[in-house]
Protein backbone atom coordinates (compact mmCIF):
# COMPACT_ATOMS: atom_id res chain seq x y z
CA MET A 1 82.40 93.19 104.81
CA GLN A 2 79.29 93.09 107.47
CA ASP A 3 77.26 90.76 105.47
CA LEU A 4 74.18 90.84 104.71
CA PHE A 5 74.40 87.70 102.23
CA LEU A 6 75.30 84.84 104.59
CA THR A 7 73.56 81.65 103.78
CA ARG A 8 71.84 83.31 101.08
CA ARG A 9 71.54 82.16 96.92
CA ALA A 10 73.06 83.47 94.39
CA ALA A 11 70.82 84.18 91.13
CA ILE A 12 70.44 81.99 88.08
CA LEU A 13 71.36 84.35 85.17
CA GLY A 14 71.27 83.52 81.23
CA GLY A 15 73.56 82.61 79.56
CA SER A 16 75.49 82.82 75.84
CA ALA A 17 77.76 81.24 73.85
CA ALA A 18 80.64 79.65 76.18
CA LEU A 19 84.45 80.48 74.90
CA LEU A 20 86.94 78.25 75.11
CA LEU A 21 87.94 77.16 78.59
CA PRO A 22 91.53 77.54 79.87
CA ARG A 23 92.43 74.09 80.41
CA ARG A 24 90.46 70.35 81.94
CA LEU A 25 89.77 69.58 84.55
CA GLY A 26 92.01 67.04 86.89
CA ALA A 27 93.35 65.78 89.90
CA GLN A 28 96.30 67.45 91.63
CA PRO A 29 99.28 65.49 91.68
CA ALA A 30 100.43 64.65 95.50
CA PHE A 31 104.17 65.59 94.77
CA GLY A 32 105.79 67.31 92.09
CA PHE A 33 104.67 71.05 90.61
CA THR A 34 101.17 71.32 92.29
CA HIS A 35 99.56 74.51 91.88
CA GLY A 36 100.69 75.77 88.78
CA VAL A 37 103.14 78.83 88.44
CA ALA A 38 102.16 82.81 89.18
CA SER A 39 104.22 85.71 89.16
CA GLY A 40 103.57 89.44 90.71
CA GLU A 41 104.94 92.31 92.05
CA PRO A 42 105.48 94.04 88.49
CA GLY A 43 108.00 96.60 87.74
CA PRO A 44 109.61 98.20 84.98
CA ARG A 45 112.71 95.77 85.45
CA SER A 46 111.29 93.08 87.78
CA MET A 47 108.91 90.61 89.22
CA LEU A 48 108.50 88.13 91.50
CA PHE A 49 107.79 84.45 90.43
CA TRP A 50 106.18 82.01 92.35
CA THR A 51 105.67 77.98 92.08
CA ARG A 52 104.79 75.48 94.30
CA PHE A 53 106.73 71.54 94.39
CA ARG A 54 106.02 69.22 97.24
CA GLY A 55 108.97 67.06 98.10
CA THR A 56 108.68 63.72 99.76
CA GLY A 57 110.28 64.47 102.57
CA THR A 58 111.34 67.21 104.84
CA THR A 59 113.84 68.75 103.23
CA PRO A 60 113.51 71.85 101.15
CA VAL A 61 114.16 70.87 97.36
CA PRO A 62 116.23 73.25 95.47
CA LEU A 63 114.61 75.02 92.43
CA SER A 64 115.55 76.97 88.93
CA LEU A 65 113.84 79.63 87.90
CA GLU A 66 114.05 79.96 83.89
CA VAL A 67 113.18 83.19 82.24
CA SER A 68 113.06 84.14 78.75
CA THR A 69 111.14 86.92 76.10
CA SER A 70 110.98 83.02 74.11
CA PRO A 71 107.64 80.50 74.61
CA ARG A 72 110.58 77.61 73.99
CA ILE A 73 112.71 79.27 76.82
CA SER A 74 115.30 79.63 74.83
CA ARG A 75 118.57 82.22 76.00
CA PRO A 76 117.10 82.00 79.55
CA ILE A 77 117.97 84.37 82.66
CA ARG A 78 118.34 82.13 85.72
CA ALA A 79 117.47 82.19 89.21
CA GLU A 80 117.40 79.83 92.32
CA ALA A 81 114.61 79.51 94.49
CA LEU A 82 113.70 76.77 97.44
CA ALA A 83 110.66 74.96 98.37
CA ASP A 84 110.39 74.75 101.88
CA PRO A 85 108.37 72.91 103.85
CA ALA A 86 108.04 75.59 106.24
CA ASN A 87 106.39 77.58 103.93
CA ASP A 88 103.86 74.38 102.80
CA TRP A 89 106.66 74.08 99.66
CA CYS A 90 105.86 77.26 98.01
CA ALA A 91 108.72 79.09 96.55
CA LYS A 92 109.08 82.87 95.36
CA VAL A 93 112.22 84.60 94.48
CA SER A 94 112.44 88.32 92.85
CA LEU A 95 114.31 88.50 89.64
CA ALA A 96 115.90 92.55 88.22
CA GLY A 97 117.37 93.11 85.25
CA LEU A 98 114.31 92.84 82.84
CA ALA A 99 113.41 94.84 80.00
CA PRO A 100 110.45 97.53 80.47
CA GLY A 101 107.24 96.95 78.62
CA THR A 102 108.41 93.15 77.65
CA THR A 103 106.17 89.69 77.85
CA TYR A 104 108.43 87.44 79.05
CA TYR A 105 108.01 83.56 79.42
CA TYR A 106 109.19 81.38 82.85
CA ARG A 107 109.36 78.20 84.18
CA PHE A 108 110.62 76.01 87.28
CA ALA A 109 112.51 72.95 87.11
CA ALA A 110 113.45 70.57 90.09
CA GLY A 111 116.64 68.58 88.99
CA PRO A 112 117.23 67.43 85.61
CA ARG A 113 113.69 65.84 84.82
CA GLU A 114 110.80 67.44 86.32
CA ARG A 115 109.84 71.16 85.19
CA SER A 116 106.43 73.22 85.87
CA ILE A 117 103.84 74.69 83.22
CA VAL A 118 104.95 77.55 81.55
CA GLY A 119 103.76 80.46 82.65
CA ARG A 120 103.56 84.29 80.89
CA THR A 121 104.10 87.72 82.28
CA LYS A 122 104.77 91.62 81.27
CA THR A 123 106.72 93.97 82.86
CA LEU A 124 105.55 97.29 83.43
CA PRO A 125 105.93 100.29 81.12
CA GLU A 126 108.46 103.34 81.33
CA GLY A 127 107.82 106.42 79.85
CA HIS A 128 105.19 106.95 77.54
CA ALA A 129 102.60 104.48 77.25
CA SER A 130 99.59 104.75 75.08
CA SER A 131 97.65 102.53 77.18
CA PHE A 132 96.92 99.59 80.01
CA ARG A 133 94.63 97.25 81.01
CA ILE A 134 93.73 95.91 83.72
CA ALA A 135 91.32 93.13 84.80
CA PHE A 136 90.26 93.03 88.60
CA PHE A 137 88.38 91.00 91.10
CA SER A 138 86.93 90.59 94.05
CA CYS A 139 84.95 88.16 96.00
CA SER A 140 85.90 84.20 95.07
CA ASN A 141 83.76 82.04 97.44
CA LEU A 142 84.81 78.17 95.42
CA PRO A 143 81.70 76.34 97.26
CA PHE A 144 79.00 78.92 95.71
CA GLY A 145 80.01 78.48 92.22
CA TRP A 146 82.73 77.99 89.29
CA PHE A 147 85.43 80.99 88.80
CA ASN A 148 83.97 81.83 85.42
CA ALA A 149 85.07 85.72 85.67
CA TYR A 150 88.89 84.19 86.09
CA GLY A 151 88.05 81.60 83.09
CA HIS A 152 86.34 84.36 80.77
CA ALA A 153 89.46 86.69 81.71
CA VAL A 154 92.22 84.13 80.39
CA ALA A 155 89.82 83.38 77.17
CA ALA A 156 89.75 87.07 76.37
CA ASP A 157 93.08 87.67 77.08
CA ASP A 158 93.16 91.41 76.95
CA ALA A 159 94.80 92.25 80.16
CA ASP A 160 98.44 93.91 81.19
CA LEU A 161 97.61 92.87 84.86
CA PHE A 162 95.41 90.94 86.94
CA VAL A 163 94.09 92.70 89.98
CA HIS A 164 92.28 91.03 92.73
CA LEU A 165 91.19 93.24 95.84
CA GLY A 166 90.21 90.81 98.76
CA ASP A 167 88.29 87.57 99.72
CA TYR A 168 90.73 85.55 97.34
CA LEU A 169 89.55 82.48 99.52
CA TYR A 170 87.02 82.32 102.67
CA GLU A 171 87.53 81.39 105.93
CA TYR A 172 84.18 79.47 106.74
CA PRO A 173 83.94 76.01 107.75
CA ARG A 174 81.78 73.23 105.37
CA GLY A 175 78.22 74.12 105.19
CA ILE A 176 78.36 77.43 106.84
CA TYR A 177 78.34 79.84 103.68
CA PRO A 178 77.12 78.55 101.56
CA ALA A 179 74.83 76.63 103.62
CA ALA A 180 75.05 72.76 103.01
CA GLY A 181 72.07 72.79 100.47
CA GLU A 182 73.63 75.81 98.49
CA MET A 183 77.11 74.72 97.58
CA VAL A 184 77.97 73.73 93.89
CA ALA A 185 78.27 70.11 93.11
CA GLY A 186 82.27 69.37 92.73
CA ARG A 187 82.85 72.49 94.65
CA VAL A 188 84.43 70.92 98.31
CA ILE A 189 86.54 73.16 100.47
CA GLU A 190 89.63 72.08 102.51
CA PRO A 191 89.81 71.38 105.90
CA ALA A 192 85.94 70.97 106.74
CA HIS A 193 86.42 73.22 109.83
CA GLU A 194 87.30 76.51 110.16
CA LEU A 195 90.27 77.93 109.80
CA LEU A 196 92.45 79.30 112.96
CA ARG A 197 95.87 77.65 112.39
CA LEU A 198 98.40 77.90 109.76
CA GLU A 199 97.45 74.55 108.78
CA ASP A 200 94.56 75.49 108.37
CA TYR A 201 94.98 78.37 106.01
CA TRP A 202 97.29 76.39 103.92
CA ALA A 203 95.27 73.24 103.50
CA ARG A 204 92.50 76.06 102.07
CA PHE A 205 94.98 77.54 99.91
CA ARG A 206 95.64 74.60 98.31
CA SER A 207 91.99 73.69 97.95
CA TYR A 208 91.18 77.02 96.34
CA ARG A 209 94.72 76.70 94.15
CA ALA A 210 93.22 73.44 92.41
CA ASP A 211 91.08 75.38 90.69
CA PRO A 212 92.31 75.33 87.18
CA ASP A 213 90.98 78.96 86.24
CA LEU A 214 92.71 80.32 89.11
CA GLN A 215 95.55 78.57 87.95
CA ALA A 216 94.91 79.59 84.84
CA ILE A 217 94.93 83.39 85.18
CA HIS A 218 97.84 83.20 87.82
CA ALA A 219 99.87 81.57 84.84
CA ARG A 220 98.93 84.46 82.76
CA PHE A 221 98.98 87.02 84.12
CA PRO A 222 101.19 89.00 86.10
CA SER A 223 99.09 90.23 89.76
CA VAL A 224 99.39 92.67 92.21
CA THR A 225 97.00 91.07 94.76
CA THR A 226 95.76 92.71 98.82
CA TRP A 227 93.62 90.72 101.24
CA ASP A 228 90.31 91.61 102.70
CA ASP A 229 88.86 89.94 105.57
CA HIS A 230 88.24 86.72 104.88
CA GLU A 231 91.57 85.46 104.30
CA SER A 232 91.83 85.84 108.29
CA ALA A 233 88.40 86.10 109.72
CA ASN A 234 84.96 88.33 108.45
CA ASP A 235 84.98 91.72 110.12
CA ALA A 236 88.75 92.05 110.67
CA TRP A 237 89.75 95.20 111.74
CA THR A 238 93.62 95.74 113.82
CA GLY A 239 92.87 93.99 116.91
CA GLY A 240 89.88 91.19 116.08
CA ALA A 241 87.12 90.34 113.93
CA GLU A 242 83.58 89.73 114.15
CA ASN A 243 84.27 85.89 113.49
CA HIS A 244 86.97 85.46 115.97
CA GLN A 245 86.26 84.75 119.75
CA PRO A 246 89.12 84.99 121.94
CA GLU A 247 88.01 83.09 124.60
CA LEU A 248 87.14 79.96 122.46
CA GLU A 249 89.92 80.57 119.34
CA GLY A 250 92.66 81.52 120.74
CA PRO A 251 94.31 85.46 120.29
CA TRP A 252 93.11 87.45 117.58
CA GLU A 253 97.54 87.76 117.04
CA ALA A 254 98.47 84.22 116.36
CA ARG A 255 94.94 83.95 113.96
CA LEU A 256 96.30 87.14 112.53
CA ALA A 257 99.46 85.91 111.95
CA ALA A 258 98.90 82.61 110.95
CA ALA A 259 96.59 83.83 107.73
CA ARG A 260 99.28 86.75 106.98
CA LYS A 261 102.03 84.13 106.39
CA ALA A 262 100.11 81.52 104.48
CA TYR A 263 98.65 84.62 102.19
CA ARG A 264 102.48 85.49 101.41
CA ASP A 265 103.32 82.24 101.21
CA TRP A 266 100.59 81.12 98.83
CA MET A 267 100.72 84.48 97.03
CA PRO A 268 103.06 86.35 94.68
CA VAL A 269 103.32 89.02 96.60
CA SER A 270 105.83 91.23 98.85
CA ASP A 271 106.21 91.31 102.94
CA ALA A 272 105.19 95.18 101.77
CA PRO A 273 102.02 95.70 103.63
CA TYR A 274 100.77 98.71 100.99
CA ALA A 275 103.06 99.84 97.81
CA ARG A 276 103.01 101.98 94.54
CA TYR A 277 103.62 100.70 90.85
CA ASP A 278 104.42 102.41 88.35
CA ILE A 279 103.20 102.31 84.92
CA GLY A 280 105.00 104.73 83.38
CA SER A 281 103.54 107.94 82.73
CA LEU A 282 100.33 107.19 82.17
CA ALA A 283 99.80 106.09 86.01
CA THR A 284 100.54 105.20 89.82
CA LEU A 285 99.10 102.14 91.14
CA TYR A 286 98.94 101.95 94.97
CA ARG A 287 98.06 98.47 96.84
CA LEU A 288 96.46 99.75 100.19
CA ASP A 289 95.29 97.34 103.11
CA THR A 290 92.57 98.75 104.66
CA ARG A 291 91.38 96.21 106.45
CA VAL A 292 94.05 95.11 109.79
CA GLU A 293 97.10 97.77 109.07
CA GLY A 294 95.47 100.50 110.87
CA ARG A 295 91.66 100.17 110.83
CA ASP A 296 89.73 101.04 113.97
CA GLN A 297 86.68 98.65 114.92
CA GLN A 298 83.62 98.67 113.40
CA LEU A 299 80.57 100.54 114.65
CA ARG A 300 77.61 98.67 114.74
CA LEU A 301 74.13 99.93 114.11
CA GLU A 302 73.01 96.58 115.69
CA ALA A 303 74.36 98.05 119.42
CA VAL A 304 72.54 101.41 118.84
CA VAL A 305 69.44 99.38 118.55
CA ARG A 306 69.55 97.21 120.91
CA GLY A 307 70.67 100.23 123.22
CA ALA A 308 67.76 102.86 121.69
CA GLY A 309 64.69 102.06 123.85
CA SER A 310 61.42 103.33 122.37
CA ASP A 311 63.24 106.37 120.62
CA LEU A 312 65.23 104.71 117.95
CA ALA A 313 65.52 108.08 115.75
CA ARG A 314 67.06 109.77 118.67
CA ALA A 315 69.75 106.59 119.64
CA LEU A 316 70.57 106.94 116.06
CA LEU A 317 71.25 110.69 116.00
CA ALA A 318 73.80 110.63 119.23
CA PHE A 319 75.15 107.76 117.37
CA ARG A 320 75.70 109.77 114.24
CA ASP A 321 77.19 112.33 115.85
CA GLU A 322 79.16 111.55 118.56
CA GLN A 323 80.84 107.91 117.03
CA TRP A 324 80.16 108.00 113.18
CA LEU A 325 81.65 111.53 112.58
CA ALA A 326 84.35 110.85 115.15
CA GLY A 327 87.13 113.08 113.39
CA ASN A 328 89.91 110.68 114.83
CA ARG A 329 89.07 107.11 113.05
CA GLN A 330 91.38 105.61 110.84
CA LEU A 331 91.10 103.18 108.27
CA LEU A 332 94.13 103.32 106.71
CA GLY A 333 95.80 104.22 110.05
CA ALA A 334 98.20 106.77 110.39
CA ALA A 335 101.30 105.93 108.76
CA GLN A 336 99.58 104.20 105.56
CA GLU A 337 97.56 107.46 105.24
CA ALA A 338 100.65 109.75 105.59
CA TRP A 339 102.44 107.70 102.91
CA LEU A 340 99.50 107.70 100.55
CA PHE A 341 99.48 111.56 100.63
CA ARG A 342 103.11 111.72 100.01
CA GLU A 343 102.59 109.83 97.20
CA PHE A 344 99.88 111.63 96.08
CA GLU A 345 101.96 114.81 95.55
CA ALA A 346 105.20 113.14 94.20
CA SER A 347 103.06 111.46 91.52
CA ALA A 348 101.38 114.77 90.48
CA ARG A 349 104.52 116.27 90.67
CA ARG A 350 106.08 113.97 88.18
CA GLY A 351 103.40 114.43 85.48
CA VAL A 352 101.30 111.20 86.43
CA ARG A 353 97.98 111.31 84.39
CA TRP A 354 95.96 109.06 86.79
CA GLN A 355 96.60 108.18 90.48
CA VAL A 356 94.78 104.45 90.88
CA LEU A 357 93.94 102.71 94.52
CA ALA A 358 93.63 99.25 94.68
CA GLN A 359 91.69 98.41 97.60
CA GLN A 360 88.97 96.30 99.34
CA VAL A 361 85.93 98.28 100.19
CA ILE A 362 83.70 100.50 98.58
CA MET A 363 84.30 104.51 99.34
CA GLY A 364 81.52 105.91 97.75
CA SER A 365 78.64 106.69 100.17
CA LEU A 366 75.85 104.22 100.20
CA LYS A 367 72.52 104.94 101.88
CA ALA A 368 69.77 102.91 102.30
CA PRO A 369 66.39 103.95 100.03
CA ALA A 370 63.93 105.44 102.48
CA ASP A 371 61.52 102.06 101.21
CA LEU A 372 63.90 99.81 102.17
CA GLY A 373 62.53 97.85 104.73
CA ALA A 374 58.66 98.08 102.68
CA LEU A 375 60.84 95.47 99.84
CA ALA A 376 61.53 93.09 102.33
CA PRO A 377 59.99 89.50 100.55
CA ARG A 378 57.10 88.21 102.48
CA GLU A 379 58.69 85.10 103.88
CA VAL A 380 62.44 86.86 104.26
CA ASP A 381 64.30 85.69 106.95
CA PRO A 382 63.19 88.40 110.20
CA ARG A 383 66.83 89.06 110.71
CA VAL A 384 66.71 90.01 107.14
CA ALA A 385 63.86 92.35 107.41
CA ALA A 386 64.85 93.61 110.70
CA ARG A 387 68.21 94.65 109.32
CA LEU A 388 66.53 96.41 106.23
CA LYS A 389 64.16 98.27 107.94
CA VAL A 390 67.42 99.55 110.30
CA GLY A 391 69.16 100.21 107.39
CA ALA A 392 66.11 102.51 106.24
CA ALA A 393 66.09 104.17 110.17
CA ALA A 394 69.39 105.09 109.17
CA ALA A 395 69.14 106.19 106.01
CA ALA A 396 66.44 108.94 107.76
CA VAL A 397 69.12 110.41 109.62
CA GLY A 398 72.13 110.10 107.30
CA LEU A 399 73.79 107.00 108.16
CA PRO A 400 75.02 104.27 105.40
CA LEU A 401 73.85 101.02 105.01
CA ASN A 402 77.82 99.84 105.58
CA LEU A 403 79.90 100.56 108.73
CA ASP A 404 82.62 98.20 107.58
CA ALA A 405 82.93 100.30 104.08
CA TRP A 406 84.74 103.79 104.09
CA ASP A 407 81.07 105.18 104.41
CA GLY A 408 81.99 103.58 108.43
CA TYR A 409 84.66 106.00 108.26
CA PRO A 410 83.56 109.27 106.99
CA ALA A 411 86.80 111.37 108.44
CA ALA A 412 89.62 109.24 107.03
CA ARG A 413 87.25 109.05 103.41
CA GLY A 414 86.87 113.06 104.06
CA ARG A 415 91.24 112.99 104.50
CA VAL A 416 91.98 110.82 101.53
CA LEU A 417 89.22 112.51 99.14
CA ALA A 418 91.16 115.90 100.32
CA ALA A 419 94.60 115.06 100.00
CA ALA A 420 93.51 113.94 96.29
CA GLN A 421 92.22 117.76 95.57
CA ARG A 422 94.82 118.99 97.26
CA SER A 423 97.46 117.50 94.75
CA ALA A 424 94.83 117.97 91.78
CA ILE A 425 95.50 114.16 90.93
CA SER A 426 92.81 112.25 88.64
CA LEU A 427 91.61 109.65 91.06
CA VAL A 428 90.53 106.33 90.15
CA VAL A 429 89.55 103.58 93.15
CA LEU A 430 89.06 100.45 92.44
CA ALA A 431 87.24 98.38 94.93
CA GLY A 432 85.30 94.61 95.38
CA ASP A 433 83.67 93.25 98.75
CA SER A 434 80.26 94.22 98.48
CA HIS A 435 79.02 91.40 95.59
CA ASN A 436 77.60 93.86 93.47
CA ALA A 437 78.85 96.54 91.04
CA TRP A 438 78.98 100.01 91.14
CA ALA A 439 80.32 103.77 89.67
CA PHE A 440 80.37 106.06 92.22
CA ASP A 441 81.25 109.52 91.19
CA LEU A 442 83.35 110.77 94.73
CA VAL A 443 82.65 113.82 95.96
CA ASN A 444 84.49 115.78 98.80
CA ASP A 445 83.12 119.15 100.28
CA GLY A 446 81.06 119.59 97.48
CA ARG A 447 83.64 119.72 95.35
CA ALA A 448 84.66 116.45 92.93
CA ALA A 449 87.19 114.61 93.80
CA GLY A 450 87.66 111.23 91.67
CA VAL A 451 85.37 108.28 90.51
CA GLU A 452 85.24 104.86 92.06
CA PHE A 453 84.58 101.68 89.86
CA ALA A 454 83.74 98.62 91.91
CA THR A 455 83.60 95.05 90.66
CA SER A 456 80.76 92.52 91.12
CA SER A 457 82.22 89.14 92.78
CA VAL A 458 83.35 86.27 91.24
CA SER A 459 81.13 83.54 92.66
CA SER A 460 79.72 85.27 96.58
CA PRO A 461 75.97 85.91 96.01
CA GLY A 462 74.71 89.71 96.52
CA PHE A 463 71.72 91.74 96.76
CA GLU A 464 69.61 89.97 94.10
CA SER A 465 69.77 86.59 97.34
CA LEU A 466 68.16 88.91 99.84
CA LEU A 467 65.32 90.40 97.56
CA ARG A 468 64.82 87.89 95.20
CA GLU A 469 61.28 89.34 94.63
CA VAL A 470 62.43 92.73 94.03
CA PRO A 471 63.33 93.39 90.15
CA PRO A 472 67.45 94.52 90.03
CA ALA A 473 66.66 97.01 88.12
CA GLU A 474 64.06 98.77 90.22
CA LEU A 475 66.36 98.38 93.01
CA GLY A 476 69.23 99.84 91.51
CA ARG A 477 66.46 102.69 90.84
CA LEU A 478 65.97 103.43 94.16
CA LEU A 479 69.55 103.14 95.69
CA MET A 480 70.64 105.97 92.74
CA GLY A 481 67.64 107.87 93.79
CA ALA A 482 68.76 107.77 97.67
CA ASN A 483 72.91 108.09 96.56
CA PRO A 484 73.50 110.95 94.63
CA GLY A 485 76.90 110.02 93.67
CA LEU A 486 76.08 107.06 92.92
CA ARG A 487 75.76 107.18 89.00
CA TRP A 488 75.03 103.18 87.57
CA CYS A 489 74.69 99.95 90.07
CA ASP A 490 74.25 96.01 89.20
CA THR A 491 72.97 93.92 92.39
CA ALA A 492 71.97 91.04 90.89
CA ARG A 493 75.31 89.40 88.71
CA ARG A 494 79.08 87.70 89.01
CA GLY A 495 81.71 89.07 87.18
CA TYR A 496 84.79 91.08 86.97
CA THR A 497 85.60 94.55 85.80
CA HIS A 498 88.14 95.41 82.93
CA LEU A 499 90.08 98.87 83.02
CA THR A 500 91.51 100.30 80.02
CA LEU A 501 93.87 103.62 80.70
CA THR A 502 94.85 105.76 78.28
CA PRO A 503 96.35 109.23 78.57
CA ALA A 504 92.71 110.75 77.88
CA ALA A 505 90.41 109.03 79.89
CA ALA A 506 89.74 105.94 81.92
CA VAL A 507 87.16 103.29 80.98
CA ALA A 508 85.63 100.90 82.59
CA GLU A 509 84.24 97.55 81.31
CA TYR A 510 81.55 95.56 84.04
CA ARG A 511 81.80 92.30 83.09
CA PHE A 512 78.95 89.87 84.04
CA THR A 513 79.44 86.07 83.57
CA ALA A 514 77.47 83.24 83.49
CA PRO A 515 75.98 81.03 85.96
CA VAL A 516 78.39 79.77 88.52
CA ASP A 517 76.85 76.71 88.90
CA THR A 518 78.10 75.70 85.71
CA ARG A 519 81.59 76.20 84.66
CA ARG A 520 81.39 77.98 81.91
CA ALA A 521 84.06 81.20 80.34
CA ALA A 522 81.04 83.12 78.95
CA LEU A 523 79.53 86.67 79.36
CA VAL A 524 75.35 87.64 79.36
CA GLY A 525 76.49 91.24 79.79
CA THR A 526 78.58 94.26 79.68
CA GLN A 527 78.19 97.92 81.42
CA ARG A 528 80.74 100.86 80.25
CA ALA A 529 81.89 104.16 82.69
CA THR A 530 83.96 106.14 81.53
CA ALA A 531 86.19 109.30 83.52
CA ALA A 532 87.90 111.97 81.16
CA LEU A 533 91.07 112.74 82.48
CA GLY A 534 91.07 115.70 85.03
CA ALA A 535 87.40 115.63 84.88
CA ASN A 536 86.84 113.36 88.44
CA ARG A 537 83.11 112.68 86.70
CA LEU A 538 81.71 109.87 85.19
CA GLN A 539 79.84 109.20 81.84
CA ILE A 540 77.54 106.08 81.95
CA GLY A 541 77.14 104.38 78.90
């Protein structure tokens, strides 16, 4: 995202009684099964399984996968995998022939004596499904704090699917985001420098996946994951990134290829950039890539300000009409967009009740309140104060806060929402990226088009780190007053969101966790938002 939050501090929240943590802390083994197990890419009759086995030389290590409906792994189905140093010793294998809507237990073995921990997974249902539960997450920055959201989801154990919407890790060197004085004790990332090459990205994955709560959530639930920008570089787009300087860091294509390979090595994902998952007749889940698959370069208000001279309002109006409203700008890219529109139509023809987008950035419209600049603390960083004032000036001519989100691509957003309206579907958009929690009614051409549940971050700080002197409730009131589609927001807390789909309703429970400076799987608050089937409108509470 176009990061307002760089080098700002996370808020300190209240607490409640801690739930049992999933496993104790401990050093990662140097060899053998080093990082647990994971499953992903679920289907009604198939699943992808992942592990990492560090060998002692340079020769790949054959592994055996055992999958059973019994926790004791009795009468298992078997498959073969290979832990290859060319993939940082990660191993993946897809297994077909499973039963729909069934819980399975699995483990890997290397030879007769070495076995991984036992993981649990569940295939998607076929036909009628009375409910389906998704826990979704975004923006997990390890040195900012503990992954209490993962810990709580494991302890609650009330999800059928774990979805991560991106910023699973961050590419920055130590001491940048967070600053050295903001780093939480015991949360040290490797390597110390910024990620540029394949070995750098591999090492950062090894660092993050040593976290016990992250290992636990991967072992407990099947996952659907998609990357955002920080898995490669901040504000990435198809041809570059804000945090990439080719004259110093080499070709963007080489860095992106390294980031993509590391992600595919370490995550239980297929190589498909976007995909569909059928949850019986209840829902179709679409995993999208809004980041690098077809995104045009972000527009920048800063460039408008630099060239505005003495008439900022006139410059903003020209920018709005000549660049921001341009009808040919892409966020998904033409191929992915056409695929999605065909999928909408096909899902509607099959009579599927819900169509769910698992994607990265906020789709709802979010403009600054008119008096946003006046909210800046007296001793705020001058760059932050200037950006707040520019945000207010932009809002006065109808421009949004964050041009890295769908707000920066209004024509592309309009095409997606119009396609949803043409297909007469019940659209639910899941989003992350912003570090705060939001609930939107999505409107296109004056008509309801869908709803959006945008989750808070796991650990990355949000608005509360910028506007510490402004009560969150007051900031929320101002934001909702300036944005008619924004039905609710929380600008101060970390956490995740739990979504329950039934044939009658989609119910999101925003779950806010204990302060991330301490490892504790407790909640400090919740908020519900509900959409009735076919309404494409939210009820809050």
